[in-house]
């Protein structure tokens, strides 16, 4: 849902809120929503030229334009806001997650209940583009998140298109013409460079993946060189927003489980958290990074 708080002629909903242009475009998000908590990922791991945080706002390229996203009552202030940019921003900010259902479930779970209270309003961000999601995960394979973000930013700067303060993430078509040497110069290992270029040159049918169930998505993607279970689990979690996605092999998640639950088997815990594994994983990780674990 979109509102514009302004005076005529752009008044869809009138109020006294104004920006320099006399109009504040509000993209409504399901309550509860905490902008600061939900955008922490864009501040915690170093610069990300595709998602730039500056002066309390997040900037992202969408539909060839620079889009500014800032906190607002009832949602976020988005400039410019239209059907194209609104679709990208809603995806980016995790609007599709069912927080109400998760919170009702968490209230019955002794470990999650206090964590959810502390992190109420956290909507995990999602990657709007499937190619971006997989390339980002390849970049993060077996390296720290700080290192992964640095390499990703160099890739975005080199092969993306600059739009104001931000760069668009490189398209598959743009990267398909790169060489392994080009990517190695940015910090990719030779093997990871091979994986990225292979994905760019022979991508899966992206529009078919959302129509498949989780197991079918996994089968389709792990058949591609360089995409293992860990990478595909995060694709399910951070692009498709599948509620049961549970990246059991993720080191960070294993640390978070140990911090909050002690010595338990991660796969078995995932079954206990069904059908909210994805949100549980994100809340456990956010709690770990915030120092909330025991």
Protein backbone atom coordinates (compact mmCIF):
# COMPACT_ATOMS: atom_id res chain seq x y z
CA UNK A 1 0.00 0.00 0.00
CA UNK A 2 1.29 3.46 -0.93
CA UNK A 3 0.44 6.85 0.53
CA UNK A 4 1.76 10.28 -0.25
CA UNK A 5 1.69 12.75 2.62
CA UNK A 6 1.58 16.13 1.00
CA UNK A 7 -0.58 18.97 -0.17
CA UNK A 8 -2.39 19.08 -3.51
CA UNK A 9 -1.93 17.99 -6.24
CA UNK A 10 -0.24 14.78 -5.05
CA UNK A 11 -2.42 14.11 -2.01
CA UNK A 12 -3.47 10.50 -1.67
CA UNK A 13 -3.47 10.91 2.10
CA UNK A 14 -3.02 14.36 3.49
CA UNK A 15 -0.90 15.27 6.48
CA UNK A 16 1.55 17.94 7.51
CA UNK A 17 4.64 15.77 6.80
CA UNK A 18 6.77 17.28 4.06
CA UNK A 19 10.21 16.94 2.52
CA UNK A 20 12.11 19.45 0.40
CA UNK A 21 9.74 18.77 -2.49
CA UNK A 22 6.66 19.25 -0.31
CA UNK A 23 5.74 15.59 -0.44
CA UNK A 24 6.58 12.42 1.51
CA UNK A 25 5.78 9.12 -0.24
CA UNK A 26 5.09 6.39 2.31
CA UNK A 27 5.35 2.73 1.42
CA UNK A 28 3.33 0.94 4.07
CA UNK A 29 4.81 -2.21 5.56
CA UNK A 30 3.07 -4.80 7.75
CA UNK A 31 3.36 -3.93 11.44
CA UNK A 32 5.43 -4.33 13.46
CA UNK A 33 8.39 -2.89 11.60
CA UNK A 34 11.61 -1.50 13.07
CA UNK A 35 13.65 0.21 10.36
CA UNK A 36 16.86 0.44 12.41
CA UNK A 37 16.85 -3.23 13.42
CA UNK A 38 15.86 -4.41 9.96
CA UNK A 39 18.61 -2.52 8.13
CA UNK A 40 21.48 -3.42 10.48
CA UNK A 41 22.87 -5.86 7.90
CA UNK A 42 23.66 -2.93 5.63
CA UNK A 43 25.84 -1.32 8.31
CA UNK A 44 27.50 -4.22 10.12
CA UNK A 45 29.91 -5.72 7.58
CA UNK A 46 31.53 -2.86 5.71
CA UNK A 47 30.60 -0.88 2.63
CA UNK A 48 28.16 -2.30 0.12
CA UNK A 49 27.96 -0.13 -2.97
CA UNK A 50 24.67 -1.71 -4.05
CA UNK A 51 23.03 -0.86 -0.69
CA UNK A 52 24.49 2.37 0.64
CA UNK A 53 23.70 3.61 4.15
CA UNK A 54 24.09 7.36 4.56
CA UNK A 55 22.67 9.86 7.05
CA UNK A 56 20.08 7.46 8.42
CA UNK A 57 18.76 6.34 5.04
CA UNK A 58 19.35 3.39 2.74
CA UNK A 59 20.03 3.93 -0.96
CA UNK A 60 19.45 1.28 -3.61
CA UNK A 61 19.32 1.30 -7.41
CA UNK A 62 15.93 0.22 -8.74
CA UNK A 63 14.57 0.44 -12.28
CA UNK A 64 17.65 2.45 -13.29
CA UNK A 65 17.14 5.07 -10.60
CA UNK A 66 18.63 5.88 -7.21
CA UNK A 67 16.03 5.20 -4.51
CA UNK A 68 16.24 6.65 -1.01
CA UNK A 69 14.57 4.67 1.80
CA UNK A 70 14.13 6.16 5.27
CA UNK A 71 12.09 5.43 8.39
CA UNK A 72 8.53 6.74 8.52
CA UNK A 73 5.50 6.09 10.67
CA UNK A 74 3.63 3.09 9.28
CA UNK A 75 6.38 2.05 6.90
CA UNK A 76 9.17 3.78 5.02
CA UNK A 77 9.61 7.03 3.14
CA UNK A 78 10.64 6.09 -0.42
CA UNK A 79 11.82 8.58 -3.01
CA UNK A 80 11.00 8.11 -5.83
CA UNK A 81 8.08 5.78 -5.18
CA UNK A 82 6.08 4.15 -7.95
CA UNK A 83 5.01 0.63 -8.92
CA UNK A 84 8.53 -0.38 -10.03
CA UNK A 85 10.51 1.02 -7.12
CA UNK A 86 7.87 0.01 -4.58
CA UNK A 87 8.09 -3.63 -5.68
CA UNK A 88 11.87 -3.65 -5.22
CA UNK A 89 11.73 -1.91 -1.83
CA UNK A 90 9.05 -4.22 -0.45
CA UNK A 91 11.17 -7.22 -1.44
CA UNK A 92 14.37 -5.66 -0.09
CA UNK A 93 12.75 -4.91 3.27
CA UNK A 94 11.24 -8.38 3.76
CA UNK A 95 7.60 -7.36 3.58
CA UNK A 96 6.53 -10.89 2.64
CA UNK A 97 7.59 -12.45 5.96
CA UNK A 98 4.78 -13.52 8.30
CA UNK A 99 5.90 -11.93 11.55
CA UNK A 100 2.54 -12.32 13.30
CA UNK A 101 2.55 -16.07 12.83
CA UNK A 102 6.18 -16.31 13.87
CA UNK A 103 5.62 -14.23 17.00
CA UNK A 104 2.66 -16.37 18.04
CA UNK A 105 4.83 -19.46 17.58
CA UNK A 106 7.83 -17.93 19.38
CA UNK A 107 5.71 -17.02 22.39
CA UNK A 108 5.40 -20.76 23.09
CA UNK A 109 9.15 -21.39 22.73
CA UNK A 110 11.19 -20.54 25.86
CA UNK A 111 14.37 -19.51 24.03
CA UNK A 112 12.81 -17.55 21.20
CA UNK A 113 10.21 -15.73 23.32
CA UNK A 114 12.60 -13.27 25.06
CA UNK A 115 14.71 -12.90 21.91
CA UNK A 116 11.69 -11.92 19.84
CA UNK A 117 10.67 -9.40 22.49
CA UNK A 118 14.09 -7.71 22.25
CA UNK A 119 14.10 -7.77 18.44
CA UNK A 120 10.43 -7.03 17.82
CA UNK A 121 9.92 -5.45 14.40
CA UNK A 122 12.95 -7.03 12.77
CA UNK A 123 12.10 -7.93 9.18
CA UNK A 124 15.11 -9.68 7.63
CA UNK A 125 16.11 -7.97 4.36
CA UNK A 126 15.93 -9.96 1.15
CA UNK A 127 17.92 -9.74 -2.07
CA UNK A 128 15.49 -8.58 -4.78
CA UNK A 129 17.38 -10.26 -7.63
CA UNK A 130 18.07 -14.04 -7.84
CA UNK A 131 21.37 -13.67 -9.70
CA UNK A 132 22.61 -11.16 -7.13
CA UNK A 133 21.61 -13.55 -4.34
CA UNK A 134 23.63 -16.47 -5.69
CA UNK A 135 26.69 -14.41 -6.65
CA UNK A 136 26.69 -12.87 -3.17
CA UNK A 137 26.57 -16.32 -1.59
CA UNK A 138 29.39 -17.59 -3.82
CA UNK A 139 31.41 -14.57 -2.73
CA UNK A 140 30.80 -15.47 0.93
CA UNK A 141 31.73 -19.14 0.65
CA UNK A 142 34.40 -20.00 3.25
CA UNK A 143 35.40 -16.39 4.02
CA UNK A 144 34.39 -13.90 6.70
CA UNK A 145 31.44 -11.61 6.06
CA UNK A 146 33.73 -8.57 6.17
CA UNK A 147 35.91 -10.10 3.42
CA UNK A 148 32.85 -11.13 1.40
CA UNK A 149 31.34 -7.63 1.55
CA UNK A 150 34.65 -6.08 0.46
CA UNK A 151 34.93 -8.38 -2.56
CA UNK A 152 31.27 -7.90 -3.44
CA UNK A 153 31.65 -4.12 -3.34
CA UNK A 154 34.65 -4.24 -5.67
CA UNK A 155 32.61 -6.38 -8.07
CA UNK A 156 29.70 -3.94 -7.94
CA UNK A 157 31.98 -0.96 -8.48
CA UNK A 158 33.77 -2.58 -11.43
CA UNK A 159 30.83 -4.11 -13.28
CA UNK A 160 27.69 -2.38 -11.98
CA UNK A 161 26.29 0.90 -13.28
CA UNK A 162 26.52 3.93 -11.04
CA UNK A 163 23.21 5.61 -10.24
CA UNK A 164 23.75 8.58 -7.93
CA UNK A 165 25.24 7.35 -4.63
CA UNK A 166 24.83 3.68 -5.46
CA UNK A 167 25.67 1.13 -8.14
CA UNK A 168 23.27 -1.40 -9.57
CA UNK A 169 24.36 -4.98 -9.03
CA UNK A 170 26.01 -6.31 -12.21
CA UNK A 171 23.70 -8.18 -14.53
CA UNK A 172 24.44 -11.71 -15.68
CA UNK A 173 24.89 -10.36 -19.20
CA UNK A 174 27.52 -7.89 -18.03
CA UNK A 175 29.47 -10.46 -16.04
CA UNK A 176 29.27 -13.07 -18.78
CA UNK A 177 31.77 -11.04 -20.79
CA UNK A 178 34.28 -10.83 -17.91
CA UNK A 179 37.26 -13.16 -17.51
CA UNK A 180 38.57 -15.15 -14.58
CA UNK A 181 41.50 -12.72 -14.44
CA UNK A 182 39.05 -9.81 -14.11
CA UNK A 183 37.38 -11.39 -11.08
CA UNK A 184 40.63 -12.62 -9.54
CA UNK A 185 41.86 -9.03 -9.58
CA UNK A 186 38.89 -8.14 -7.35
CA UNK A 187 39.73 -10.80 -4.77
CA UNK A 188 37.85 -13.85 -6.05
CA UNK A 189 39.64 -17.16 -5.94
CA UNK A 190 40.05 -18.78 -9.36
CA UNK A 191 37.44 -21.37 -8.47
CA UNK A 192 34.89 -18.81 -7.31
CA UNK A 193 35.54 -16.75 -10.43
CA UNK A 194 34.79 -19.86 -12.48
CA UNK A 195 31.55 -20.40 -10.56
CA UNK A 196 30.34 -16.82 -11.03
CA UNK A 197 31.15 -16.77 -14.74
CA UNK A 198 29.52 -20.14 -15.27
CA UNK A 199 26.34 -18.93 -13.57
CA UNK A 200 26.37 -15.71 -15.62
CA UNK A 201 26.84 -17.54 -18.92
CA UNK A 202 24.39 -20.38 -18.27
CA UNK A 203 21.82 -19.16 -15.74
CA UNK A 204 18.85 -21.28 -14.70
CA UNK A 205 15.32 -20.28 -15.67
CA UNK A 206 14.90 -17.69 -12.92
CA UNK A 207 11.17 -17.24 -13.44
CA UNK A 208 10.55 -20.95 -12.85
CA UNK A 209 12.23 -21.15 -9.43
CA UNK A 210 9.51 -19.37 -7.39
CA UNK A 211 6.99 -21.90 -8.75
CA UNK A 212 8.92 -24.90 -7.40
CA UNK A 213 8.83 -26.33 -3.89
CA UNK A 214 11.94 -26.16 -1.72
CA UNK A 215 13.28 -29.58 -2.68
CA UNK A 216 12.77 -28.89 -6.38
CA UNK A 217 14.60 -25.55 -6.10
CA UNK A 218 17.48 -27.31 -4.37
CA UNK A 219 17.66 -30.03 -7.00
CA UNK A 220 17.63 -27.46 -9.80
CA UNK A 221 20.36 -25.27 -8.29
CA UNK A 222 22.80 -27.80 -6.81
CA UNK A 223 23.13 -29.22 -10.32
CA UNK A 224 24.98 -25.98 -11.20
CA UNK A 225 28.72 -26.02 -10.58
CA UNK A 226 29.65 -24.08 -7.44
CA UNK A 227 26.19 -24.11 -5.86
CA UNK A 228 26.09 -26.43 -2.86
CA UNK A 229 23.56 -26.97 -0.09
CA UNK A 230 24.75 -23.96 1.94
CA UNK A 231 24.42 -21.58 -1.01
CA UNK A 232 21.02 -22.90 -2.00
CA UNK A 233 19.71 -22.81 1.58
CA UNK A 234 20.52 -19.11 1.73
CA UNK A 235 18.88 -18.60 -1.66
CA UNK A 236 15.70 -20.11 -0.25
CA UNK A 237 16.04 -17.97 2.88
CA UNK A 238 17.16 -14.61 1.49
CA UNK A 239 15.60 -14.45 -1.93
CA UNK A 240 12.54 -16.70 -1.99
CA UNK A 241 11.79 -16.10 1.72
CA UNK A 242 10.76 -19.72 2.17
CA UNK A 243 9.58 -20.16 5.78
CA UNK A 244 11.28 -23.55 6.30
CA UNK A 245 14.71 -22.54 4.97
CA UNK A 246 17.28 -23.57 7.59
CA UNK A 247 20.95 -23.25 6.52
CA UNK A 248 22.10 -26.09 8.76
CA UNK A 249 25.68 -25.92 7.47
CA UNK A 250 26.15 -22.22 8.18
CA UNK A 251 28.87 -21.56 10.75
CA UNK A 252 27.21 -18.40 12.01
CA UNK A 253 23.92 -20.18 12.57
CA UNK A 254 25.69 -23.01 14.37
CA UNK A 255 27.33 -20.46 16.67
CA UNK A 256 23.99 -18.78 17.29
CA UNK A 257 22.31 -22.08 18.10
CA UNK A 258 25.10 -22.93 20.53
CA UNK A 259 24.86 -19.48 22.16
CA UNK A 260 21.10 -19.71 22.76
CA UNK A 261 20.36 -23.43 23.00
CA UNK A 262 23.64 -24.93 24.14
CA UNK A 263 24.75 -28.34 22.94
CA UNK A 264 21.92 -29.34 20.60
CA UNK A 265 21.88 -30.87 17.14
CA UNK A 266 21.21 -28.07 14.65
CA UNK A 267 19.23 -30.17 12.19
CA UNK A 268 17.00 -31.53 14.96
CA UNK A 269 16.40 -28.01 16.28
CA UNK A 270 15.28 -26.97 12.82
CA UNK A 271 12.58 -29.63 12.89
CA UNK A 272 11.46 -28.34 16.29
CA UNK A 273 11.13 -24.82 14.88
CA UNK A 274 9.00 -25.88 11.91
CA UNK A 275 7.44 -24.07 10.05
CA UNK A 276 9.35 -20.91 11.04
CA UNK A 277 12.95 -22.00 10.57
CA UNK A 278 13.87 -19.07 8.32
CA UNK A 279 12.73 -16.33 10.68
CA UNK A 280 14.11 -18.25 13.67
CA UNK A 281 17.52 -18.42 11.97
CA UNK A 282 17.54 -14.69 11.27
CA UNK A 283 16.48 -13.80 14.81
CA UNK A 284 19.09 -16.13 16.32
CA UNK A 285 21.80 -14.59 14.13
CA UNK A 286 20.66 -11.05 14.93
CA UNK A 287 20.68 -11.91 18.63
CA UNK A 288 24.17 -13.35 18.34
CA UNK A 289 25.53 -10.28 16.56
CA UNK A 290 23.83 -8.02 19.13
CA UNK A 291 25.50 -9.95 21.96
CA UNK A 292 22.20 -11.29 23.32
CA UNK A 293 23.32 -14.93 23.58
CA UNK A 294 24.34 -16.56 26.83
